[in-house]
Amino acid sequence: MERDKIISSISDLLSGYQWEIYISSIQTLKSISSNLAIESLTKSKETGVGVRIKKGEKIGFFYVSNPTEEKINKALQKAIQSLEISEDDPYIQFSTLTDNPVNLKIYDKYSAENLTDIEKSQIALEFEDKIRSKDSRITNIRNCSFIEKISEYTLINSNGVEISEKSTNYTIMAAAIATGKKDSQIAWGFKSSRFLADLDINKTSEEIVHNAVSLLGAKPISSQVIPALFPPYAFTQILEAFFPVFSGESLITEKTYLKDKLQEQIAPDFLTLIDSGLLNRKTGSRKYDDEGTSTQNTEIIKNGVFQTFLHSIYTANKASSSPTGNGFRSSFKDTPSVQPSNFYIENGNQPVKPEGKYFKVIEMMGLHTANPVTGDFSVGATGLLTQDGYEYPVSGITISGNFFELLRDIVQIGNDLKFYGRFGSPSVFVSRINIGGD
């Protein structure tokens, strides 16, 4: 069913209601390489519609996959029924007409429209070959994949908002197994970008191989409190796990330590944490969020001082604040929630230069168990113990601490900012971390 027919069909049925129509279309191409041959090549397309309707202070919602007029009519009746029995909620509103003059580069027209599927599928093969060529100790590679997503959405509502955006996203990912004389070690890595040309296959391969090979011979170490170096990927894992701390949803449910900390110093004065939807060629960049609010550059922490939470229209209304353009949907099947665009720590002025004995984190396992309310975490980890100029590979340990204390314990921030999906960080050196070992 064509977009204009979908909009016409729904809007004709919604006389007397406020309404919002969200139409999403995602085309996915995925290739997997194994043993230097393309193991599989798949292509799919999903189209769906999500509609919110409002009357007074009551709200209803429905969604339809692969919409037809019959499907829409049936789903709309269910939405009206759910609206009639819903509780009043004065904070739900639909966006009013906005204009964002920013010209963002988020659609790779050449790669999406000029390269063939076969040509793009070979990227997985090239990626596998690069990984294998970096070190003879790489004996196996798992899940070596290339993914292209071409996404287009339209948002239109009864307030006169009508916006559309088209974007591309390219991802490579793989796990490499290194085998030594007495053991094997595995390391995983990925890279995502809006533009195919920005996928640095060589550097991504080097990072994966270095992490796997450097862990050969790894052993546990004794429990201790020690300074720690978090390379960019490791600290983006921390930021992703604790993103809810800065969400307006956590604020309005009083599930964040920061609820009474606005304008307080919560980190060193050389740390600035930003969420920005306005970075060219970045995975999380968009002119508008999925409610029709213009995205922006939001300084969440500036020079160590906590400035603001991130908000959707709903959380902003309930918190007596302003939306920040962070009302995104996971798919057309969901209503908007507070999500990051490009969420990152700003670069420092120079490379990190740790001294003395410290632990370099390579990978953490189990960060999904971290508690974003209290900030506490305890996760499995691998890495390198650096002492007297030597590096000793380490595994079979846990690292634990508290996110808010970790922020305060940062003593250096590097100038090597890297993005992994929507999260980014430079290298970060902290004065102390708890290691649980032998």
Protein backbone atom coordinates (compact mmCIF):
# COMPACT_ATOMS: atom_id res chain seq x y z
CA MET A 1 0.00 0.00 0.00
CA GLU A 2 1.51 3.35 -1.05
CA ARG A 3 2.36 6.00 1.52
CA ASP A 4 -0.18 8.57 0.32
CA LYS A 5 -2.97 5.99 0.31
CA ILE A 6 -2.04 4.92 3.86
CA ILE A 7 -2.17 8.51 5.09
CA SER A 8 -5.44 9.22 3.29
CA SER A 9 -7.05 6.00 4.52
CA ILE A 10 -6.17 6.65 8.16
CA SER A 11 -6.83 10.39 8.28
CA ASP A 12 -10.30 9.93 6.72
CA LEU A 13 -11.21 7.52 9.54
CA LEU A 14 -9.98 9.80 12.33
CA SER A 15 -12.35 12.74 12.10
CA GLY A 16 -12.88 14.08 15.60
CA TYR A 17 -9.55 12.81 16.93
CA GLN A 18 -6.06 14.18 17.18
CA TRP A 19 -3.77 11.75 15.41
CA GLU A 20 -0.20 10.92 14.50
CA ILE A 21 0.82 8.56 11.68
CA TYR A 22 4.30 7.03 11.60
CA ILE A 23 5.26 5.04 8.48
CA SER A 24 8.52 3.09 8.41
CA SER A 25 10.21 1.12 5.66
CA ILE A 26 13.50 -0.73 6.24
CA GLN A 27 15.33 -2.70 3.56
CA THR A 28 18.07 -4.99 4.87
CA LEU A 29 20.88 -6.72 3.00
CA LYS A 30 23.10 -9.12 4.96
CA SER A 31 26.05 -11.23 3.84
CA ILE A 32 28.07 -13.68 5.94
CA SER A 33 31.55 -14.86 5.02
CA SER A 34 33.03 -18.15 6.25
CA ASN A 35 36.29 -19.82 5.22
CA LEU A 36 36.83 -17.03 2.66
CA ALA A 37 33.57 -17.67 0.82
CA ILE A 38 30.15 -16.04 1.01
CA GLU A 39 28.12 -18.43 3.15
CA SER A 40 24.81 -16.60 2.84
CA LEU A 41 23.26 -13.52 1.27
CA THR A 42 19.80 -12.42 2.35
CA LYS A 43 17.63 -9.45 1.53
CA SER A 44 14.39 -8.39 3.20
CA LYS A 45 12.05 -5.44 3.47
CA GLU A 46 9.67 -4.53 6.28
CA THR A 47 7.06 -1.82 6.03
CA GLY A 48 4.81 -0.84 8.89
CA VAL A 49 2.55 1.85 10.24
CA GLY A 50 2.13 3.01 13.82
CA VAL A 51 -0.76 5.34 14.67
CA ARG A 52 -1.48 7.19 17.90
CA ILE A 53 -4.92 8.73 18.40
CA LYS A 54 -5.94 11.19 21.10
CA LYS A 55 -9.25 12.52 22.34
CA GLY A 56 -9.29 14.78 25.35
CA GLU A 57 -6.61 13.33 27.62
CA LYS A 58 -7.04 9.73 26.47
CA ILE A 59 -4.66 7.97 24.07
CA GLY A 60 -4.91 4.91 21.82
CA PHE A 61 -2.30 3.17 19.69
CA PHE A 62 -2.19 0.57 16.95
CA TYR A 63 0.30 -0.72 14.41
CA VAL A 64 0.09 -2.70 11.20
CA SER A 65 2.78 -4.67 9.33
CA ASN A 66 2.60 -4.69 5.53
CA PRO A 67 -0.52 -2.50 5.67
CA THR A 68 -3.67 -2.95 3.61
CA GLU A 69 -6.86 -0.95 3.87
CA GLU A 70 -8.62 -3.86 5.56
CA LYS A 71 -5.84 -4.31 8.14
CA ILE A 72 -5.82 -0.61 8.93
CA ASN A 73 -9.59 -0.46 9.43
CA LYS A 74 -9.56 -3.40 11.85
CA ALA A 75 -6.58 -2.11 13.82
CA LEU A 76 -8.03 1.38 14.04
CA GLN A 77 -11.22 0.05 15.65
CA LYS A 78 -9.07 -1.70 18.28
CA ALA A 79 -7.17 1.53 18.92
CA ILE A 80 -10.41 3.44 19.45
CA GLN A 81 -11.59 0.75 21.87
CA SER A 82 -8.30 0.96 23.82
CA LEU A 83 -8.56 4.76 23.91
CA GLU A 84 -12.03 4.61 25.40
CA ILE A 85 -10.86 2.51 28.37
CA SER A 86 -7.50 4.22 28.85
CA GLU A 87 -6.73 6.47 31.80
CA ASP A 88 -6.46 10.22 31.34
CA ASP A 89 -2.90 11.45 30.79
CA PRO A 90 -2.52 15.22 30.38
CA TYR A 91 1.16 15.01 29.45
CA ILE A 92 0.77 13.26 26.08
CA GLN A 93 0.93 15.72 23.20
CA PHE A 94 1.77 15.59 19.52
CA SER A 95 4.45 17.77 17.98
CA THR A 96 3.57 21.11 16.44
CA LEU A 97 5.00 22.28 13.15
CA THR A 98 8.76 22.75 13.28
CA ASP A 99 11.41 23.48 10.70
CA ASN A 100 14.99 22.26 10.93
CA PRO A 101 17.14 23.94 8.23
CA VAL A 102 20.14 21.70 8.91
CA ASN A 103 21.33 19.75 5.87
CA LEU A 104 22.58 16.47 7.29
CA LYS A 105 24.53 13.87 5.33
CA ILE A 106 22.91 10.60 6.42
CA TYR A 107 22.02 8.93 3.09
CA ASP A 108 24.71 7.24 1.00
CA LYS A 109 22.98 7.55 -2.37
CA TYR A 110 25.85 6.10 -4.38
CA SER A 111 26.27 2.92 -2.33
CA ALA A 112 22.54 2.36 -1.88
CA GLU A 113 21.53 2.91 -5.48
CA ASN A 114 24.58 2.23 -7.66
CA LEU A 115 26.35 -0.75 -6.13
CA THR A 116 24.84 -4.17 -6.74
CA ASP A 117 23.93 -6.56 -3.95
CA ILE A 118 26.68 -8.91 -5.10
CA GLU A 119 29.26 -6.12 -4.96
CA LYS A 120 28.21 -5.16 -1.45
CA SER A 121 28.11 -8.77 -0.27
CA GLN A 122 31.83 -9.08 -1.00
CA ILE A 123 32.60 -6.68 1.83
CA ALA A 124 32.07 -9.52 4.33
CA LEU A 125 34.59 -11.59 2.41
CA GLU A 126 37.08 -8.72 2.30
CA PHE A 127 36.64 -8.21 6.04
CA GLU A 128 37.32 -11.87 6.82
CA ASP A 129 40.39 -11.87 4.57
CA LYS A 130 41.78 -8.76 6.33
CA ILE A 131 41.35 -10.33 9.76
CA ARG A 132 43.06 -13.55 8.73
CA SER A 133 45.97 -11.70 7.10
CA LYS A 134 46.83 -9.69 10.22
CA ASP A 135 48.31 -12.53 12.27
CA SER A 136 48.99 -16.23 11.66
CA ARG A 137 47.65 -17.03 15.13
CA ILE A 138 44.12 -16.20 13.99
CA THR A 139 42.77 -19.70 13.39
CA ASN A 140 39.04 -19.15 13.09
CA ILE A 141 36.55 -16.37 12.49
CA ARG A 142 32.91 -16.43 13.53
CA ASN A 143 29.91 -14.43 12.35
CA CYS A 144 31.86 -12.32 9.89
CA SER A 145 29.04 -10.16 8.56
CA PHE A 146 28.22 -7.13 6.48
CA ILE A 147 24.82 -5.45 6.86
CA GLU A 148 23.24 -2.64 4.87
CA LYS A 149 20.04 -0.97 6.10
CA ILE A 150 18.18 1.55 3.95
CA SER A 151 15.57 3.25 6.11
CA GLU A 152 12.84 5.71 5.31
CA TYR A 153 10.18 7.12 7.59
CA THR A 154 7.33 9.59 7.34
CA LEU A 155 5.65 11.33 10.27
CA ILE A 156 2.41 13.27 9.80
CA ASN A 157 -0.03 14.50 12.43
CA SER A 158 -3.19 16.53 12.87
CA ASN A 159 -1.16 19.57 13.97
CA GLY A 160 0.20 20.01 10.46
CA VAL A 161 3.54 18.24 10.91
CA GLU A 162 4.69 16.32 7.84
CA ILE A 163 8.30 15.19 7.64
CA SER A 164 10.23 12.41 5.88
CA GLU A 165 13.83 11.30 6.11
CA LYS A 166 15.85 8.64 4.32
CA SER A 167 19.08 7.20 5.67
CA THR A 168 21.56 4.39 5.25
CA ASN A 169 23.52 2.41 7.79
CA TYR A 170 26.41 0.03 7.13
CA THR A 171 27.85 -2.38 9.67
CA ILE A 172 30.68 -4.93 9.76
CA MET A 173 31.13 -7.32 12.67
CA ALA A 174 33.14 -10.43 13.47
CA ALA A 175 34.68 -12.51 16.24
CA ALA A 176 38.27 -13.71 15.80
CA ILE A 177 39.81 -16.69 17.59
CA ALA A 178 43.55 -16.61 18.27
CA THR A 179 45.33 -19.85 19.14
CA GLY A 180 48.62 -20.04 21.01
CA LYS A 181 50.71 -22.90 22.40
CA LYS A 182 48.48 -23.53 25.40
CA ASP A 183 45.19 -21.71 24.89
CA SER A 184 42.80 -19.91 22.60
CA GLN A 185 41.24 -16.48 23.02
CA ILE A 186 38.34 -14.78 21.27
CA ALA A 187 37.67 -11.09 20.62
CA TRP A 188 34.68 -9.45 18.98
CA GLY A 189 34.37 -6.12 17.25
CA PHE A 190 32.20 -4.04 14.96
CA LYS A 191 31.98 -0.75 13.11
CA SER A 192 28.91 1.14 11.92
CA SER A 193 28.55 4.18 9.70
CA ARG A 194 25.99 6.01 7.58
CA PHE A 195 28.39 5.87 4.60
CA LEU A 196 30.01 2.76 3.20
CA ALA A 197 33.28 4.61 2.56
CA ASP A 198 33.57 5.33 6.30
CA LEU A 199 33.73 1.63 7.21
CA ASP A 200 37.45 1.31 7.90
CA ILE A 201 37.86 -2.42 7.39
CA ASN A 202 41.61 -2.31 7.98
CA LYS A 203 41.47 -0.53 11.36
CA THR A 204 38.51 -2.59 12.57
CA SER A 205 40.38 -5.78 11.64
CA GLU A 206 43.50 -4.59 13.45
CA GLU A 207 41.53 -3.85 16.62
CA ILE A 208 39.84 -7.26 16.68
CA VAL A 209 43.06 -9.16 15.98
CA HIS A 210 45.09 -7.16 18.52
CA ASN A 211 42.54 -7.83 21.25
CA ALA A 212 42.42 -11.57 20.54
CA VAL A 213 46.17 -12.10 20.19
CA SER A 214 47.14 -9.93 23.16
CA LEU A 215 45.05 -12.13 25.46
CA LEU A 216 46.89 -15.37 24.62
CA GLY A 217 48.25 -16.89 27.82
CA ALA A 218 45.85 -14.87 29.95
CA LYS A 219 45.54 -15.77 33.63
CA PRO A 220 43.68 -14.38 36.64
CA ILE A 221 45.44 -11.93 38.96
CA SER A 222 44.94 -11.28 42.65
CA SER A 223 42.14 -9.07 43.93
CA GLN A 224 43.27 -5.45 44.18
CA VAL A 225 42.32 -1.82 43.69
CA ILE A 226 44.23 -0.40 40.74
CA PRO A 227 44.16 2.43 38.19
CA ALA A 228 42.50 1.44 34.91
CA LEU A 229 42.63 2.44 31.27
CA PHE A 230 39.40 2.15 29.29
CA PRO A 231 40.07 2.30 25.52
CA PRO A 232 37.25 3.87 23.46
CA TYR A 233 35.23 0.68 22.93
CA ALA A 234 35.36 -0.29 26.60
CA PHE A 235 34.12 3.09 27.81
CA THR A 236 31.34 3.21 25.21
CA GLN A 237 30.12 -0.03 26.80
CA ILE A 238 29.96 1.80 30.14
CA LEU A 239 28.10 4.76 28.60
CA GLU A 240 25.56 2.48 26.92
CA ALA A 241 24.89 0.56 30.13
CA PHE A 242 24.29 3.75 32.11
CA PHE A 243 22.50 5.84 29.49
CA PRO A 244 19.20 5.49 31.45
CA VAL A 245 20.77 7.61 34.22
CA PHE A 246 20.41 10.65 31.93
CA SER A 247 16.95 9.81 30.55
CA GLY A 248 13.89 11.89 31.35
CA GLU A 249 12.03 8.61 31.84
CA SER A 250 14.25 7.82 34.82
CA LEU A 251 13.67 11.34 36.13
CA ILE A 252 9.86 11.20 36.08
CA THR A 253 9.87 7.74 37.70
CA GLU A 254 12.50 8.87 40.25
CA LYS A 255 14.86 6.07 39.24
CA THR A 256 18.03 8.08 38.82
CA TYR A 257 20.66 9.25 41.26
CA LEU A 258 20.81 12.53 39.35
CA LYS A 259 17.22 13.66 40.00
CA ASP A 260 18.34 16.39 42.41
CA LYS A 261 21.80 17.04 40.94
CA LEU A 262 21.17 19.69 38.26
CA GLN A 263 24.00 22.25 38.16
CA GLU A 264 26.12 20.14 40.50
CA GLN A 265 29.68 19.00 39.80
CA ILE A 266 29.49 15.26 39.12
CA ALA A 267 32.68 14.78 37.08
CA PRO A 268 36.08 16.48 36.62
CA ASP A 269 36.02 19.89 34.95
CA PHE A 270 37.71 18.52 31.80
CA LEU A 271 34.79 16.18 31.01
CA THR A 272 31.91 17.15 28.72
CA LEU A 273 29.20 14.63 27.80
CA ILE A 274 27.10 15.38 24.72
CA ASP A 275 24.11 13.99 22.89
CA SER A 276 23.88 15.31 19.34
CA GLY A 277 21.67 14.39 16.42
CA LEU A 278 23.45 16.89 14.20
CA LEU A 279 26.76 15.15 13.42
CA ASN A 280 27.24 14.51 9.73
CA ARG A 281 27.64 10.87 8.67
CA LYS A 282 27.09 9.47 12.19
CA THR A 283 24.81 6.53 12.93
CA GLY A 284 22.52 8.37 15.35
CA SER A 285 22.12 11.57 13.35
CA ARG A 286 18.69 12.73 12.18
CA LYS A 287 17.06 16.13 11.55
CA TYR A 288 14.03 15.11 13.60
CA ASP A 289 13.21 12.49 16.18
CA ASP A 290 10.25 10.13 15.78
CA GLU A 291 7.85 12.66 17.32
CA GLY A 292 8.75 15.46 14.90
CA THR A 293 10.93 17.43 17.32
CA SER A 294 14.09 18.89 15.80
CA THR A 295 17.20 17.17 17.08
CA GLN A 296 19.89 19.28 18.67
CA ASN A 297 23.29 19.38 20.29
CA THR A 298 22.70 18.84 24.02
CA GLU A 299 25.46 19.26 26.58
CA ILE A 300 24.42 16.87 29.35
CA ILE A 301 27.55 17.41 31.42
CA LYS A 302 29.59 20.53 30.70
CA ASN A 303 32.99 20.91 32.29
CA GLY A 304 31.93 18.35 34.89
CA VAL A 305 28.65 20.07 35.78
CA PHE A 306 25.35 18.22 35.20
CA GLN A 307 23.20 20.37 32.91
CA THR A 308 20.12 18.46 31.80
CA PHE A 309 18.29 15.21 31.23
CA LEU A 310 17.34 14.06 27.73
CA HIS A 311 13.64 14.32 26.96
CA SER A 312 10.83 13.23 24.71
CA ILE A 313 7.73 15.45 24.53
CA TYR A 314 6.05 13.35 27.23
CA THR A 315 8.89 13.38 29.76
CA ALA A 316 9.54 17.07 29.13
CA ASN A 317 5.90 17.91 29.82
CA LYS A 318 5.82 15.83 32.98
CA ALA A 319 9.13 17.27 34.23
CA SER A 320 8.21 20.88 33.30
CA SER A 321 11.15 20.96 30.90
CA SER A 322 11.68 21.13 27.12
CA PRO A 323 12.01 18.22 24.65
CA THR A 324 15.56 17.63 23.43
CA GLY A 325 14.73 15.69 20.26
CA ASN A 326 15.28 12.27 21.84
CA GLY A 327 11.83 10.73 21.35
CA PHE A 328 12.68 7.73 19.18
CA ARG A 329 10.89 4.47 18.38
CA SER A 330 12.57 1.08 18.33
CA SER A 331 10.20 0.27 15.43
CA PHE A 332 6.76 1.18 14.12
CA LYS A 333 5.41 -1.32 16.67
CA ASP A 334 6.42 0.95 19.56
CA THR A 335 5.50 4.38 20.84
CA PRO A 336 8.32 6.93 21.30
CA SER A 337 10.68 6.62 24.25
CA VAL A 338 13.80 8.51 25.31
CA GLN A 339 16.76 7.16 23.34
CA PRO A 340 20.18 8.57 22.40
CA SER A 341 21.13 10.05 19.07
CA ASN A 342 24.97 10.30 19.16
CA PHE A 343 25.88 10.05 22.85
CA TYR A 344 29.56 10.68 23.54
CA ILE A 345 32.31 12.12 25.69
CA GLU A 346 34.07 15.04 24.03
CA ASN A 347 37.70 14.61 23.04
CA GLY A 348 40.44 15.66 25.41
CA ASN A 349 43.40 17.78 24.33
CA GLN A 350 46.09 15.07 24.15
CA PRO A 351 46.60 11.30 24.21
CA VAL A 352 46.19 9.45 27.48
CA LYS A 353 49.59 8.84 29.10
CA PRO A 354 49.12 6.43 32.02
CA GLU A 355 52.06 5.79 34.30
CA GLY A 356 52.95 3.08 36.79
CA LYS A 357 50.95 -0.07 37.32
CA TYR A 358 47.47 -0.16 35.79
CA PHE A 359 44.90 -2.44 34.18
CA LYS A 360 43.86 -1.94 30.54
CA VAL A 361 40.33 -3.17 29.92
CA ILE A 362 39.84 -5.07 26.67
CA GLU A 363 36.37 -6.49 27.10
CA MET A 364 33.62 -6.60 29.72
CA MET A 365 30.94 -9.26 29.95
CA GLY A 366 27.60 -8.86 31.69
CA LEU A 367 27.15 -5.10 31.71
CA HIS A 368 23.44 -5.65 31.14
CA THR A 369 23.34 -6.60 34.84
CA ALA A 370 24.56 -3.13 35.88
CA ASN A 371 22.15 -1.10 38.02
CA PRO A 372 21.49 2.30 36.41
CA VAL A 373 19.55 3.46 39.48
CA THR A 374 22.36 3.02 42.01
CA GLY A 375 25.22 3.06 39.49
CA ASP A 376 26.66 -0.20 40.79
CA PHE A 377 28.25 -2.74 38.44
CA SER A 378 30.22 -5.97 38.70
CA VAL A 379 31.18 -7.65 35.44
CA GLY A 380 33.54 -10.20 34.00
CA ALA A 381 36.54 -8.72 32.24
CA THR A 382 39.65 -9.41 30.21
CA GLY A 383 42.57 -7.09 29.72
CA LEU A 384 46.26 -6.38 30.21
CA LEU A 385 48.07 -5.68 33.46
CA THR A 386 50.81 -3.16 32.72
CA GLN A 387 53.72 -3.09 35.18
CA ASP A 388 57.37 -2.10 34.85
CA GLY A 389 57.01 -1.70 31.10
CA TYR A 390 55.55 -5.19 30.56
CA GLU A 391 52.02 -6.26 29.66
CA TYR A 392 50.54 -9.39 31.22
CA PRO A 393 47.34 -10.81 29.69
CA VAL A 394 44.53 -11.24 32.21
CA SER A 395 41.25 -13.17 32.19
CA GLY A 396 38.98 -14.82 34.74
CA ILE A 397 38.48 -11.67 36.82
CA THR A 398 35.70 -9.26 37.65
CA ILE A 399 35.84 -5.50 37.77
CA SER A 400 33.37 -3.65 39.94
CA GLY A 401 32.55 -0.17 41.03
CA ASN A 402 29.99 2.57 40.82
CA PHE A 403 29.34 4.63 37.70
CA PHE A 404 29.06 7.95 39.55
CA GLU A 405 32.29 7.31 41.46
CA LEU A 406 33.93 6.21 38.20
CA LEU A 407 33.10 9.58 36.64
CA ARG A 408 34.67 11.40 39.59
CA ASP A 409 37.75 9.15 39.44
CA ILE A 410 38.60 10.06 35.83
CA VAL A 411 42.06 11.64 35.71
CA GLN A 412 42.74 11.69 31.96
CA ILE A 413 40.65 11.81 28.77
CA GLY A 414 42.35 11.11 25.45
CA ASN A 415 41.92 12.71 22.04
CA ASP A 416 41.07 9.47 20.19
CA LEU A 417 37.26 9.68 20.13
CA LYS A 418 35.64 6.72 18.35
CA PHE A 419 32.00 5.87 17.81
CA TYR A 420 30.57 2.39 18.10
CA GLY A 421 27.03 2.73 16.85
CA ARG A 422 25.32 5.61 18.67
CA PHE A 423 27.84 5.74 21.53
CA GLY A 424 31.29 7.27 21.44
CA SER A 425 34.24 7.90 23.73
CA PRO A 426 37.95 8.66 23.73
CA SER A 427 40.28 6.60 25.93
CA VAL A 428 39.58 7.22 29.62
CA PHE A 429 42.01 6.69 32.49
CA VAL A 430 40.63 6.36 36.02
CA SER A 431 42.50 6.43 39.33
CA ARG A 432 40.94 3.28 40.72
CA ILE A 433 38.87 0.22 39.89
CA ASN A 434 38.14 -2.87 41.98
CA ILE A 435 39.47 -6.12 40.58
CA GLY A 436 38.20 -9.42 41.90
CA GLY A 437 40.57 -12.26 41.13
CA ASP A 438 42.44 -15.10 42.83
